[in-house]
Amino acid sequence: MENKLLCIINEILEIKKEKKVDKLTLEWSLRDDLGFTSFDLAELTVRIEDEFDVDIFEDGLVDTISEVIAKLK
């Protein structure tokens, strides 16, 4: 699951022409550390829903990688 999430995040970073990450750090903020905008978060939501059939923002905002992973479990 974490490897697939890493792939999804790297695909979004590639579209943004940002440097890909080698591994995920649980404490990373999607906005502050990865530089995700509202548009990027929407893209992340759609891709995660397609892959895992889970709406990570269903119960409110998520900010960190660990919060995303918790929603996927």
PDB file of N, CA and C in Angstrom:
ATOM      1  N   MET A   1       0.807  -1.182   0.000  1.00  0.00           N
ATOM      2  CA  MET A   1       0.000   0.000   0.000  1.00  0.00           C
ATOM      3  C   MET A   1       0.864   1.265   0.000  1.00  0.00           C
ATOM      4  N   GLU A   2       1.878   1.302   0.847  1.00  0.00           N
ATOM      5  CA  GLU A   2       2.732   2.488   0.903  1.00  0.00           C
ATOM      6  C   GLU A   2       3.509   2.683  -0.395  1.00  0.00           C
ATOM      7  N   ASN A   3       3.907   1.587  -1.035  1.00  0.00           N
ATOM      8  CA  ASN A   3       4.619   1.710  -2.314  1.00  0.00           C
ATOM      9  C   ASN A   3       3.723   2.309  -3.380  1.00  0.00           C
ATOM     10  N   LYS A   4       2.460   1.904  -3.404  1.00  0.00           N
ATOM     11  CA  LYS A   4       1.523   2.454  -4.383  1.00  0.00           C
ATOM     12  C   LYS A   4       1.263   3.924  -4.095  1.00  0.00           C
ATOM     13  N   LEU A   5       1.132   4.279  -2.815  1.00  0.00           N
ATOM     14  CA  LEU A   5       0.950   5.678  -2.437  1.00  0.00           C
ATOM     15  C   LEU A   5       2.161   6.500  -2.871  1.00  0.00           C
ATOM     16  N   LEU A   6       3.357   5.955  -2.682  1.00  0.00           N
ATOM     17  CA  LEU A   6       4.574   6.628  -3.130  1.00  0.00           C
ATOM     18  C   LEU A   6       4.533   6.867  -4.635  1.00  0.00           C
ATOM     19  N   CYS A   7       4.098   5.878  -5.387  1.00  0.00           N
ATOM     20  CA  CYS A   7       3.988   6.025  -6.850  1.00  0.00           C
ATOM     21  C   CYS A   7       3.008   7.125  -7.219  1.00  0.00           C
ATOM     22  N   ILE A   8       1.860   7.157  -6.554  1.00  0.00           N
ATOM     23  CA  ILE A   8       0.849   8.181  -6.839  1.00  0.00           C
ATOM     24  C   ILE A   8       1.405   9.566  -6.537  1.00  0.00           C
ATOM     25  N   ILE A   9       2.048   9.722  -5.394  1.00  0.00           N
ATOM     26  CA  ILE A   9       2.622  11.019  -5.016  1.00  0.00           C
ATOM     27  C   ILE A   9       3.692  11.430  -6.014  1.00  0.00           C
ATOM     28  N   ASN A  10       4.544  10.493  -6.421  1.00  0.00           N
ATOM     29  CA  ASN A  10       5.592  10.816  -7.394  1.00  0.00           C
ATOM     30  C   ASN A  10       5.016  11.178  -8.759  1.00  0.00           C
ATOM     31  N   GLU A  11       3.911  10.564  -9.154  1.00  0.00           N
ATOM     32  CA  GLU A  11       3.267  10.932 -10.417  1.00  0.00           C
ATOM     33  C   GLU A  11       2.788  12.382 -10.366  1.00  0.00           C
ATOM     34  N   ILE A  12       2.227  12.778  -9.228  1.00  0.00           N
ATOM     35  CA  ILE A  12       1.768  14.164  -9.073  1.00  0.00           C
ATOM     36  C   ILE A  12       2.959  15.111  -9.050  1.00  0.00           C
ATOM     37  N   LEU A  13       4.024  14.746  -8.344  1.00  0.00           N
ATOM     38  CA  LEU A  13       5.225  15.587  -8.311  1.00  0.00           C
ATOM     39  C   LEU A  13       5.822  15.732  -9.707  1.00  0.00           C
ATOM     40  N   GLU A  14       5.789  14.665 -10.490  1.00  0.00           N
ATOM     41  CA  GLU A  14       6.316  14.712 -11.853  1.00  0.00           C
ATOM     42  C   GLU A  14       5.509  15.681 -12.718  1.00  0.00           C
ATOM     43  N   ILE A  15       4.194  15.658 -12.578  1.00  0.00           N
ATOM     44  CA  ILE A  15       3.348  16.596 -13.320  1.00  0.00           C
ATOM     45  C   ILE A  15       3.704  18.031 -12.949  1.00  0.00           C
ATOM     46  N   LYS A  16       4.003  18.255 -11.666  1.00  0.00           N
ATOM     47  CA  LYS A  16       4.370  19.589 -11.178  1.00  0.00           C
ATOM     48  C   LYS A  16       5.812  19.960 -11.525  1.00  0.00           C
ATOM     49  N   LYS A  17       6.523  19.017 -12.146  1.00  0.00           N
ATOM     50  CA  LYS A  17       7.936  19.188 -12.472  1.00  0.00           C
ATOM     51  C   LYS A  17       8.785  19.401 -11.211  1.00  0.00           C
ATOM     52  N   GLU A  18       8.381  18.714 -10.154  1.00  0.00           N
ATOM     53  CA  GLU A  18       9.117  18.731  -8.894  1.00  0.00           C
ATOM     54  C   GLU A  18       9.918  17.441  -8.772  1.00  0.00           C
ATOM     55  N   LYS A  19      10.909  17.460  -7.908  1.00  0.00           N
ATOM     56  CA  LYS A  19      11.743  16.283  -7.688  1.00  0.00           C
ATOM     57  C   LYS A  19      10.935  15.180  -7.004  1.00  0.00           C
ATOM     58  N   LYS A  20      11.065  13.963  -7.527  1.00  0.00           N
ATOM     59  CA  LYS A  20      10.403  12.809  -6.923  1.00  0.00           C
ATOM     60  C   LYS A  20      11.062  12.476  -5.587  1.00  0.00           C
ATOM     61  N   VAL A  21      10.325  11.763  -4.755  1.00  0.00           N
ATOM     62  CA  VAL A  21      10.865  11.336  -3.466  1.00  0.00           C
ATOM     63  C   VAL A  21      11.150   9.839  -3.507  1.00  0.00           C
ATOM     64  N   ASP A  22      12.189   9.434  -2.782  1.00  0.00           N
ATOM     65  CA  ASP A  22      12.591   8.026  -2.758  1.00  0.00           C
ATOM     66  C   ASP A  22      11.769   7.198  -1.781  1.00  0.00           C
ATOM     67  N   LYS A  23      11.343   7.847  -0.705  1.00  0.00           N
ATOM     68  CA  LYS A  23      10.551   7.155   0.314  1.00  0.00           C
ATOM     69  C   LYS A  23       9.638   8.172   0.980  1.00  0.00           C
ATOM     70  N   LEU A  24       8.619   7.653   1.640  1.00  0.00           N
ATOM     71  CA  LEU A  24       7.683   8.517   2.349  1.00  0.00           C
ATOM     72  C   LEU A  24       8.095   8.632   3.810  1.00  0.00           C
ATOM     73  N   THR A  25       7.974   9.827   4.338  1.00  0.00           N
ATOM     74  CA  THR A  25       8.193  10.066   5.755  1.00  0.00           C
ATOM     75  C   THR A  25       6.836  10.357   6.374  1.00  0.00           C
ATOM     76  N   LEU A  26       6.475   9.613   7.394  1.00  0.00           N
ATOM     77  CA  LEU A  26       5.132   9.688   7.958  1.00  0.00           C
ATOM     78  C   LEU A  26       4.755  11.093   8.419  1.00  0.00           C
ATOM     79  N   GLU A  27       5.712  11.855   8.900  1.00  0.00           N
ATOM     80  CA  GLU A  27       5.426  13.179   9.438  1.00  0.00           C
ATOM     81  C   GLU A  27       5.279  14.256   8.367  1.00  0.00           C
ATOM     82  N   TRP A  28       5.622  13.942   7.129  1.00  0.00           N
ATOM     83  CA  TRP A  28       5.560  14.953   6.071  1.00  0.00           C
ATOM     84  C   TRP A  28       4.163  15.510   5.920  1.00  0.00           C
ATOM     85  N   SER A  29       4.103  16.828   5.784  1.00  0.00           N
ATOM     86  CA  SER A  29       2.855  17.510   5.456  1.00  0.00           C
ATOM     87  C   SER A  29       2.704  17.517   3.940  1.00  0.00           C
ATOM     88  N   LEU A  30       1.502  17.210   3.472  1.00  0.00           N
ATOM     89  CA  LEU A  30       1.261  17.221   2.027  1.00  0.00           C
ATOM     90  C   LEU A  30       1.488  18.621   1.461  1.00  0.00           C
ATOM     91  N   ARG A  31       1.063  19.627   2.194  1.00  0.00           N
ATOM     92  CA  ARG A  31       1.205  21.007   1.715  1.00  0.00           C
ATOM     93  C   ARG A  31       2.602  21.574   1.980  1.00  0.00           C
ATOM     94  N   ASP A  32       3.048  21.487   3.220  1.00  0.00           N
ATOM     95  CA  ASP A  32       4.303  22.147   3.599  1.00  0.00           C
ATOM     96  C   ASP A  32       5.546  21.433   3.088  1.00  0.00           C
ATOM     97  N   ASP A  33       5.586  20.117   3.196  1.00  0.00           N
ATOM     98  CA  ASP A  33       6.787  19.378   2.809  1.00  0.00           C
ATOM     99  C   ASP A  33       6.795  18.960   1.342  1.00  0.00           C
ATOM    100  N   LEU A  34       5.622  18.618   0.807  1.00  0.00           N
ATOM    101  CA  LEU A  34       5.555  18.190  -0.594  1.00  0.00           C
ATOM    102  C   LEU A  34       5.100  19.313  -1.518  1.00  0.00           C
ATOM    103  N   GLY A  35       4.635  20.412  -0.936  1.00  0.00           N
ATOM    104  CA  GLY A  35       4.233  21.563  -1.744  1.00  0.00           C
ATOM    105  C   GLY A  35       2.929  21.373  -2.500  1.00  0.00           C
ATOM    106  N   PHE A  36       2.066  20.487  -2.026  1.00  0.00           N
ATOM    107  CA  PHE A  36       0.802  20.232  -2.713  1.00  0.00           C
ATOM    108  C   PHE A  36      -0.147  21.416  -2.556  1.00  0.00           C
ATOM    109  N   THR A  37      -0.759  21.800  -3.649  1.00  0.00           N
ATOM    110  CA  THR A  37      -1.793  22.829  -3.661  1.00  0.00           C
ATOM    111  C   THR A  37      -3.152  22.152  -3.491  1.00  0.00           C
ATOM    112  N   SER A  38      -4.191  22.954  -3.436  1.00  0.00           N
ATOM    113  CA  SER A  38      -5.546  22.389  -3.365  1.00  0.00           C
ATOM    114  C   SER A  38      -5.827  21.516  -4.578  1.00  0.00           C
ATOM    115  N   PHE A  39      -5.356  21.950  -5.743  1.00  0.00           N
ATOM    116  CA  PHE A  39      -5.530  21.164  -6.965  1.00  0.00           C
ATOM    117  C   PHE A  39      -4.805  19.823  -6.849  1.00  0.00           C
ATOM    118  N   ASP A  40      -3.584  19.840  -6.319  1.00  0.00           N
ATOM    119  CA  ASP A  40      -2.815  18.602  -6.145  1.00  0.00           C
ATOM    120  C   ASP A  40      -3.512  17.655  -5.173  1.00  0.00           C
ATOM    121  N   LEU A  41      -4.089  18.207  -4.113  1.00  0.00           N
ATOM    122  CA  LEU A  41      -4.806  17.376  -3.146  1.00  0.00           C
ATOM    123  C   LEU A  41      -6.044  16.753  -3.780  1.00  0.00           C
ATOM    124  N   ALA A  42      -6.705  17.504  -4.649  1.00  0.00           N
ATOM    125  CA  ALA A  42      -7.856  16.947  -5.375  1.00  0.00           C
ATOM    126  C   ALA A  42      -7.403  15.808  -6.279  1.00  0.00           C
ATOM    127  N   GLU A  43      -6.279  16.004  -6.964  1.00  0.00           N
ATOM    128  CA  GLU A  43      -5.723  14.956  -7.831  1.00  0.00           C
ATOM    129  C   GLU A  43      -5.345  13.725  -7.009  1.00  0.00           C
ATOM    130  N   LEU A  44      -4.735  13.948  -5.861  1.00  0.00           N
ATOM    131  CA  LEU A  44      -4.366  12.846  -4.968  1.00  0.00           C
ATOM    132  C   LEU A  44      -5.609  12.075  -4.533  1.00  0.00           C
ATOM    133  N   THR A  45      -6.653  12.799  -4.175  1.00  0.00           N
ATOM    134  CA  THR A  45      -7.903  12.168  -3.748  1.00  0.00           C
ATOM    135  C   THR A  45      -8.475  11.277  -4.838  1.00  0.00           C
ATOM    136  N   VAL A  46      -8.529  11.788  -6.062  1.00  0.00           N
ATOM    137  CA  VAL A  46      -9.076  11.021  -7.185  1.00  0.00           C
ATOM    138  C   VAL A  46      -8.247   9.772  -7.442  1.00  0.00           C
ATOM    139  N   ARG A  47      -6.938   9.922  -7.444  1.00  0.00           N
ATOM    140  CA  ARG A  47      -6.071   8.770  -7.718  1.00  0.00           C
ATOM    141  C   ARG A  47      -6.161   7.712  -6.616  1.00  0.00           C
ATOM    142  N   ILE A  48      -6.252   8.158  -5.366  1.00  0.00           N
ATOM    143  CA  ILE A  48      -6.386   7.211  -4.257  1.00  0.00           C
ATOM    144  C   ILE A  48      -7.741   6.514  -4.319  1.00  0.00           C
ATOM    145  N   GLU A  49      -8.790   7.271  -4.643  1.00  0.00           N
ATOM    146  CA  GLU A  49     -10.115   6.649  -4.782  1.00  0.00           C
ATOM    147  C   GLU A  49     -10.103   5.598  -5.881  1.00  0.00           C
ATOM    148  N   ASP A  50      -9.461   5.913  -7.007  1.00  0.00           N
ATOM    149  CA  ASP A  50      -9.380   4.953  -8.109  1.00  0.00           C
ATOM    150  C   ASP A  50      -8.614   3.695  -7.711  1.00  0.00           C
ATOM    151  N   GLU A  51      -7.526   3.873  -6.990  1.00  0.00           N
ATOM    152  CA  GLU A  51      -6.656   2.744  -6.645  1.00  0.00           C
ATOM    153  C   GLU A  51      -7.167   1.942  -5.445  1.00  0.00           C
ATOM    154  N   PHE A  52      -7.633   2.646  -4.407  1.00  0.00           N
ATOM    155  CA  PHE A  52      -7.969   1.979  -3.147  1.00  0.00           C
ATOM    156  C   PHE A  52      -9.464   1.998  -2.810  1.00  0.00           C
ATOM    157  N   ASP A  53     -10.256   2.715  -3.589  1.00  0.00           N
ATOM    158  CA  ASP A  53     -11.694   2.862  -3.342  1.00  0.00           C
ATOM    159  C   ASP A  53     -11.962   3.461  -1.963  1.00  0.00           C
ATOM    160  N   VAL A  54     -11.173   4.481  -1.606  1.00  0.00           N
ATOM    161  CA  VAL A  54     -11.302   5.171  -0.324  1.00  0.00           C
ATOM    162  C   VAL A  54     -11.241   6.671  -0.583  1.00  0.00           C
ATOM    163  N   ASP A  55     -12.172   7.422   0.032  1.00  0.00           N
ATOM    164  CA  ASP A  55     -12.137   8.884  -0.028  1.00  0.00           C
ATOM    165  C   ASP A  55     -11.408   9.372   1.214  1.00  0.00           C
ATOM    166  N   ILE A  56     -10.164   9.786   1.060  1.00  0.00           N
ATOM    167  CA  ILE A  56      -9.351  10.161   2.218  1.00  0.00           C
ATOM    168  C   ILE A  56      -9.839  11.439   2.890  1.00  0.00           C
ATOM    169  N   PHE A  57     -10.650  12.236   2.198  1.00  0.00           N
ATOM    170  CA  PHE A  57     -11.150  13.480   2.774  1.00  0.00           C
ATOM    171  C   PHE A  57     -12.607  13.373   3.219  1.00  0.00           C
ATOM    172  N   GLU A  58     -13.145  12.165   3.240  1.00  0.00           N
ATOM    173  CA  GLU A  58     -14.547  11.962   3.596  1.00  0.00           C
ATOM    174  C   GLU A  58     -14.878  12.507   4.986  1.00  0.00           C
ATOM    175  N   ASP A  59     -13.990  12.306   5.939  1.00  0.00           N
ATOM    176  CA  ASP A  59     -14.231  12.736   7.323  1.00  0.00           C
ATOM    177  C   ASP A  59     -13.515  14.032   7.674  1.00  0.00           C
ATOM    178  N   GLY A  60     -13.071  14.779   6.696  1.00  0.00           N
ATOM    179  CA  GLY A  60     -12.349  16.021   6.948  1.00  0.00           C
ATOM    180  C   GLY A  60     -10.989  16.005   6.284  1.00  0.00           C
ATOM    181  N   LEU A  61     -10.227  17.034   6.565  1.00  0.00           N
ATOM    182  CA  LEU A  61      -8.919  17.188   5.935  1.00  0.00           C
ATOM    183  C   LEU A  61      -7.889  16.230   6.512  1.00  0.00           C
ATOM    184  N   VAL A  62      -6.982  15.827   5.659  1.00  0.00           N
ATOM    185  CA  VAL A  62      -5.784  15.119   6.105  1.00  0.00           C
ATOM    186  C   VAL A  62      -4.600  15.993   5.724  1.00  0.00           C
ATOM    187  N   ASP A  63      -3.582  15.996   6.557  1.00  0.00           N
ATOM    188  CA  ASP A  63      -2.450  16.879   6.307  1.00  0.00           C
ATOM    189  C   ASP A  63      -1.144  16.124   6.111  1.00  0.00           C
ATOM    190  N   THR A  64      -0.995  14.991   6.764  1.00  0.00           N
ATOM    191  CA  THR A  64       0.291  14.295   6.728  1.00  0.00           C
ATOM    192  C   THR A  64       0.179  12.947   6.021  1.00  0.00           C
ATOM    193  N   ILE A  65       1.332  12.422   5.667  1.00  0.00           N
ATOM    194  CA  ILE A  65       1.392  11.096   5.053  1.00  0.00           C
ATOM    195  C   ILE A  65       0.797  10.056   5.998  1.00  0.00           C
ATOM    196  N   SER A  66       1.089  10.167   7.291  1.00  0.00           N
ATOM    197  CA  SER A  66       0.560   9.183   8.246  1.00  0.00           C
ATOM    198  C   SER A  66      -0.962   9.233   8.300  1.00  0.00           C
ATOM    199  N   GLU A  67      -1.560  10.413   8.165  1.00  0.00           N
ATOM    200  CA  GLU A  67      -3.022  10.519   8.153  1.00  0.00           C
ATOM    201  C   GLU A  67      -3.604   9.866   6.902  1.00  0.00           C
ATOM    202  N   VAL A  68      -2.934  10.018   5.775  1.00  0.00           N
ATOM    203  CA  VAL A  68      -3.386   9.371   4.539  1.00  0.00           C
ATOM    204  C   VAL A  68      -3.340   7.857   4.713  1.00  0.00           C
ATOM    205  N   ILE A  69      -2.225   7.353   5.215  1.00  0.00           N
ATOM    206  CA  ILE A  69      -2.070   5.905   5.402  1.00  0.00           C
ATOM    207  C   ILE A  69      -3.119   5.369   6.371  1.00  0.00           C
ATOM    208  N   ALA A  70      -3.409   6.116   7.432  1.00  0.00           N
ATOM    209  CA  ALA A  70      -4.430   5.683   8.395  1.00  0.00           C
ATOM    210  C   ALA A  70      -5.791   5.546   7.723  1.00  0.00           C
ATOM    211  N   LYS A  71      -6.101   6.430   6.786  1.00  0.00           N
ATOM    212  CA  LYS A  71      -7.384   6.359   6.070  1.00  0.00           C
ATOM    213  C   LYS A  71      -7.434   5.148   5.142  1.00  0.00           C
ATOM    214  N   LEU A  72      -6.280   4.699   4.684  1.00  0.00           N
ATOM    215  CA  LEU A  72      -6.229   3.576   3.751  1.00  0.00           C
ATOM    216  C   LEU A  72      -6.316   2.226   4.449  1.00  0.00           C
ATOM    217  N   LYS A  73      -6.117   2.212   5.757  1.00  0.00           N
ATOM    218  CA  LYS A  73      -6.129   0.942   6.500  1.00  0.00           C
ATOM    219  C   LYS A  73      -7.531   0.560   6.899  1.00  0.00           C
TER     220      LYS A  73
END
